[in-house]
C-alpha cells in the first residue's frame, strides 16, 4: 500500500478494506481507529491537565472470517505495518474492542 498524507489516509484505508472484502470474501470488514490513551491527569475531580498519547498503529483493518480475525495494522500516514491472525475469543481481541472506535464497516448494516 503506498504512502499517503494523514488527511487522505482514511479514504485510502477504506479503499484498501473494500478491496480486501472483494478479493478475500470475509463475513465483514471493519476499519477501526485506535483511541488515544490517557497517561496523566492532573487536578482534582475535574482534571485541569490531561496528557494523552497516540498509539501506534493508528488504524486497524479487521477481516472477520467467523472463528478468527485477520488484523492489518496501519500507521496514521497510511503505511501498512503488518498483519496477523487472531482468534475471536482471545484476550487481544477483547482489548482491541475496548480501545478502538469503528470508522467504517463493510457490508453496511
C-alpha atoms as a PDB file:
ATOM      1  CA  UNK A   1       0.000   0.000   0.000  1.00  0.00           C
ATOM      2  CA  UNK A   2       1.506   3.375  -0.986  1.00  0.00           C
ATOM      3  CA  UNK A   3       2.217   6.156   1.473  1.00  0.00           C
ATOM      4  CA  UNK A   4      -0.412   8.894   1.980  1.00  0.00           C
ATOM      5  CA  UNK A   5      -0.741  12.117   3.881  1.00  0.00           C
ATOM      6  CA  UNK A   6      -2.610  11.911   7.178  1.00  0.00           C
ATOM      7  CA  UNK A   7      -5.514  13.805   5.672  1.00  0.00           C
ATOM      8  CA  UNK A   8      -6.206  11.356   2.849  1.00  0.00           C
ATOM      9  CA  UNK A   9      -5.108   8.223   4.681  1.00  0.00           C
ATOM     10  CA  UNK A  10      -8.565   7.216   5.966  1.00  0.00           C
ATOM     11  CA  UNK A  11     -10.070   7.346   2.459  1.00  0.00           C
ATOM     12  CA  UNK A  12      -7.285   5.152   1.132  1.00  0.00           C
ATOM     13  CA  UNK A  13      -7.573   2.757   4.087  1.00  0.00           C
ATOM     14  CA  UNK A  14     -11.297   2.368   3.331  1.00  0.00           C
ATOM     15  CA  UNK A  15     -10.408   1.638  -0.320  1.00  0.00           C
ATOM     16  CA  UNK A  16      -7.938  -0.990   0.933  1.00  0.00           C
ATOM     17  CA  UNK A  17     -10.683  -2.500   3.141  1.00  0.00           C
ATOM     18  CA  UNK A  18     -13.139  -2.619   0.208  1.00  0.00           C
ATOM     19  CA  UNK A  19     -10.542  -4.338  -1.968  1.00  0.00           C
ATOM     20  CA  UNK A  20      -9.831  -6.912   0.768  1.00  0.00           C
ATOM     21  CA  UNK A  21     -13.586  -7.575   1.109  1.00  0.00           C
ATOM     22  CA  UNK A  22     -13.982  -8.005  -2.649  1.00  0.00           C
ATOM     23  CA  UNK A  23     -10.944 -10.278  -3.065  1.00  0.00           C
ATOM     24  CA  UNK A  24     -10.954 -12.396   0.114  1.00  0.00           C
ATOM     25  CA  UNK A  25     -14.707 -12.538   0.880  1.00  0.00           C
ATOM     26  CA  UNK A  26     -14.789 -12.385   4.707  1.00  0.00           C
ATOM     27  CA  UNK A  27     -18.125 -12.039   6.540  1.00  0.00           C
ATOM     28  CA  UNK A  28     -17.387  -8.364   7.172  1.00  0.00           C
ATOM     29  CA  UNK A  29     -14.531  -5.872   7.272  1.00  0.00           C
ATOM     30  CA  UNK A  30     -14.167  -3.124   9.872  1.00  0.00           C
ATOM     31  CA  UNK A  31     -11.848  -0.133   9.831  1.00  0.00           C
ATOM     32  CA  UNK A  32     -11.028   0.699  13.457  1.00  0.00           C
ATOM     33  CA  UNK A  33      -9.302   3.807  14.809  1.00  0.00           C
ATOM     34  CA  UNK A  34      -7.229   3.281  17.942  1.00  0.00           C
ATOM     35  CA  UNK A  35      -8.266   5.681  20.700  1.00  0.00           C
ATOM     36  CA  UNK A  36      -5.738   7.887  22.444  1.00  0.00           C
ATOM     37  CA  UNK A  37      -4.573   6.549  25.790  1.00  0.00           C
ATOM     38  CA  UNK A  38      -4.727   8.813  28.840  1.00  0.00           C
ATOM     39  CA  UNK A  39      -1.376   8.838  30.570  1.00  0.00           C
ATOM     40  CA  UNK A  40      -1.607  11.592  33.150  1.00  0.00           C
ATOM     41  CA  UNK A  41      -4.443  13.507  34.781  1.00  0.00           C
ATOM     42  CA  UNK A  42      -3.519  16.499  36.953  1.00  0.00           C
ATOM     43  CA  UNK A  43      -6.107  18.159  39.160  1.00  0.00           C
ATOM     44  CA  UNK A  44      -8.952  17.247  41.472  1.00  0.00           C
ATOM     45  CA  UNK A  45     -12.182  15.528  40.490  1.00  0.00           C
ATOM     46  CA  UNK A  46     -12.229  17.651  37.327  1.00  0.00           C
ATOM     47  CA  UNK A  47      -8.826  17.296  35.648  1.00  0.00           C
ATOM     48  CA  UNK A  48      -7.086  20.551  34.846  1.00  0.00           C
ATOM     49  CA  UNK A  49      -4.482  18.966  32.572  1.00  0.00           C
ATOM     50  CA  UNK A  50      -4.880  15.747  30.607  1.00  0.00           C
ATOM     51  CA  UNK A  51      -1.952  14.273  28.708  1.00  0.00           C
ATOM     52  CA  UNK A  52      -2.818  11.749  26.015  1.00  0.00           C
ATOM     53  CA  UNK A  53      -0.616   9.520  23.923  1.00  0.00           C
ATOM     54  CA  UNK A  54      -1.469   8.413  20.393  1.00  0.00           C
ATOM     55  CA  UNK A  55      -0.948   4.706  19.934  1.00  0.00           C
ATOM     56  CA  UNK A  56       0.927   3.085  17.053  1.00  0.00           C
ATOM     57  CA  UNK A  57      -0.777   1.558  14.999  1.00  0.00           C
ATOM     58  CA  UNK A  58      -3.366   4.262  14.493  1.00  0.00           C
ATOM     59  CA  UNK A  59      -5.797   2.225  12.325  1.00  0.00           C
ATOM     60  CA  UNK A  60      -6.661  -1.476  12.311  1.00  0.00           C
ATOM     61  CA  UNK A  61      -8.447  -3.194   9.427  1.00  0.00           C
ATOM     62  CA  UNK A  62     -10.188  -6.292  10.836  1.00  0.00           C
ATOM     63  CA  UNK A  63     -11.419  -9.019   8.453  1.00  0.00           C
ATOM     64  CA  UNK A  64     -13.963 -11.337  10.134  1.00  0.00           C
ATOM     65  CA  UNK A  65     -13.720 -14.967   8.981  1.00  0.00           C
ATOM     66  CA  UNK A  66     -16.176 -16.431  11.514  1.00  0.00           C
ATOM     67  CA  UNK A  67     -13.925 -18.018  14.153  1.00  0.00           C
ATOM     68  CA  UNK A  68     -10.895 -15.767  13.583  1.00  0.00           C
ATOM     69  CA  UNK A  69      -9.901 -12.252  12.557  1.00  0.00           C
ATOM     70  CA  UNK A  70      -7.184 -11.106  10.176  1.00  0.00           C
ATOM     71  CA  UNK A  71      -5.823  -7.804  11.512  1.00  0.00           C
ATOM     72  CA  UNK A  72      -3.848  -5.298   9.450  1.00  0.00           C
ATOM     73  CA  UNK A  73      -2.058  -2.588  11.458  1.00  0.00           C
ATOM     74  CA  UNK A  74      -1.742   0.757   9.681  1.00  0.00           C
ATOM     75  CA  UNK A  75       0.029   3.941  10.780  1.00  0.00           C
ATOM     76  CA  UNK A  76      -1.563   7.382  10.808  1.00  0.00           C
ATOM     77  CA  UNK A  77       0.028   8.291   7.475  1.00  0.00           C
ATOM     78  CA  UNK A  78      -1.357   5.153   5.791  1.00  0.00           C
ATOM     79  CA  UNK A  79       1.690   2.876   5.749  1.00  0.00           C
ATOM     80  CA  UNK A  80       0.974  -0.771   6.414  1.00  0.00           C
ATOM     81  CA  UNK A  81       2.909  -2.059   9.439  1.00  0.00           C
ATOM     82  CA  UNK A  82       1.909  -5.720   9.231  1.00  0.00           C
ATOM     83  CA  UNK A  83      -0.840  -8.270   9.654  1.00  0.00           C
ATOM     84  CA  UNK A  84      -1.675 -11.154  11.934  1.00  0.00           C
ATOM     85  CA  UNK A  85      -4.380 -13.760  12.559  1.00  0.00           C
ATOM     86  CA  UNK A  86      -6.181 -13.641  15.909  1.00  0.00           C
ATOM     87  CA  UNK A  87      -8.889 -15.917  17.309  1.00  0.00           C
ATOM     88  CA  UNK A  88     -12.216 -14.247  18.102  1.00  0.00           C
ATOM     89  CA  UNK A  89     -12.197 -15.355  21.736  1.00  0.00           C
ATOM     90  CA  UNK A  90      -8.642 -14.225  22.515  1.00  0.00           C
ATOM     91  CA  UNK A  91      -7.767 -11.585  25.107  1.00  0.00           C
ATOM     92  CA  UNK A  92      -6.113  -9.486  22.401  1.00  0.00           C
ATOM     93  CA  UNK A  93      -9.432  -9.141  20.541  1.00  0.00           C
ATOM     94  CA  UNK A  94     -11.199  -8.056  23.737  1.00  0.00           C
ATOM     95  CA  UNK A  95      -8.530  -5.411  24.323  1.00  0.00           C
ATOM     96  CA  UNK A  96      -8.850  -4.197  20.719  1.00  0.00           C
ATOM     97  CA  UNK A  97     -12.641  -3.920  21.057  1.00  0.00           C
ATOM     98  CA  UNK A  98     -12.250  -1.710  24.148  1.00  0.00           C
ATOM     99  CA  UNK A  99      -9.511   0.531  22.805  1.00  0.00           C
ATOM    100  CA  UNK A 100     -10.857   1.251  19.292  1.00  0.00           C
ATOM    101  CA  UNK A 101     -13.653   3.152  17.593  1.00  0.00           C
ATOM    102  CA  UNK A 102     -15.304   1.856  14.412  1.00  0.00           C
ATOM    103  CA  UNK A 103     -14.779   4.197  11.456  1.00  0.00           C
ATOM    104  CA  UNK A 104     -16.245   2.059   8.651  1.00  0.00           C
ATOM    105  CA  UNK A 105     -17.977  -1.335   8.236  1.00  0.00           C
ATOM    106  CA  UNK A 106     -18.374  -3.402   5.058  1.00  0.00           C
ATOM    107  CA  UNK A 107     -21.087  -4.615   4.367  1.00  0.00           C
ATOM    108  CA  UNK A 108     -23.082  -1.787   5.858  1.00  0.00           C
ATOM    109  CA  UNK A 109     -25.559  -2.970   8.465  1.00  0.00           C
END
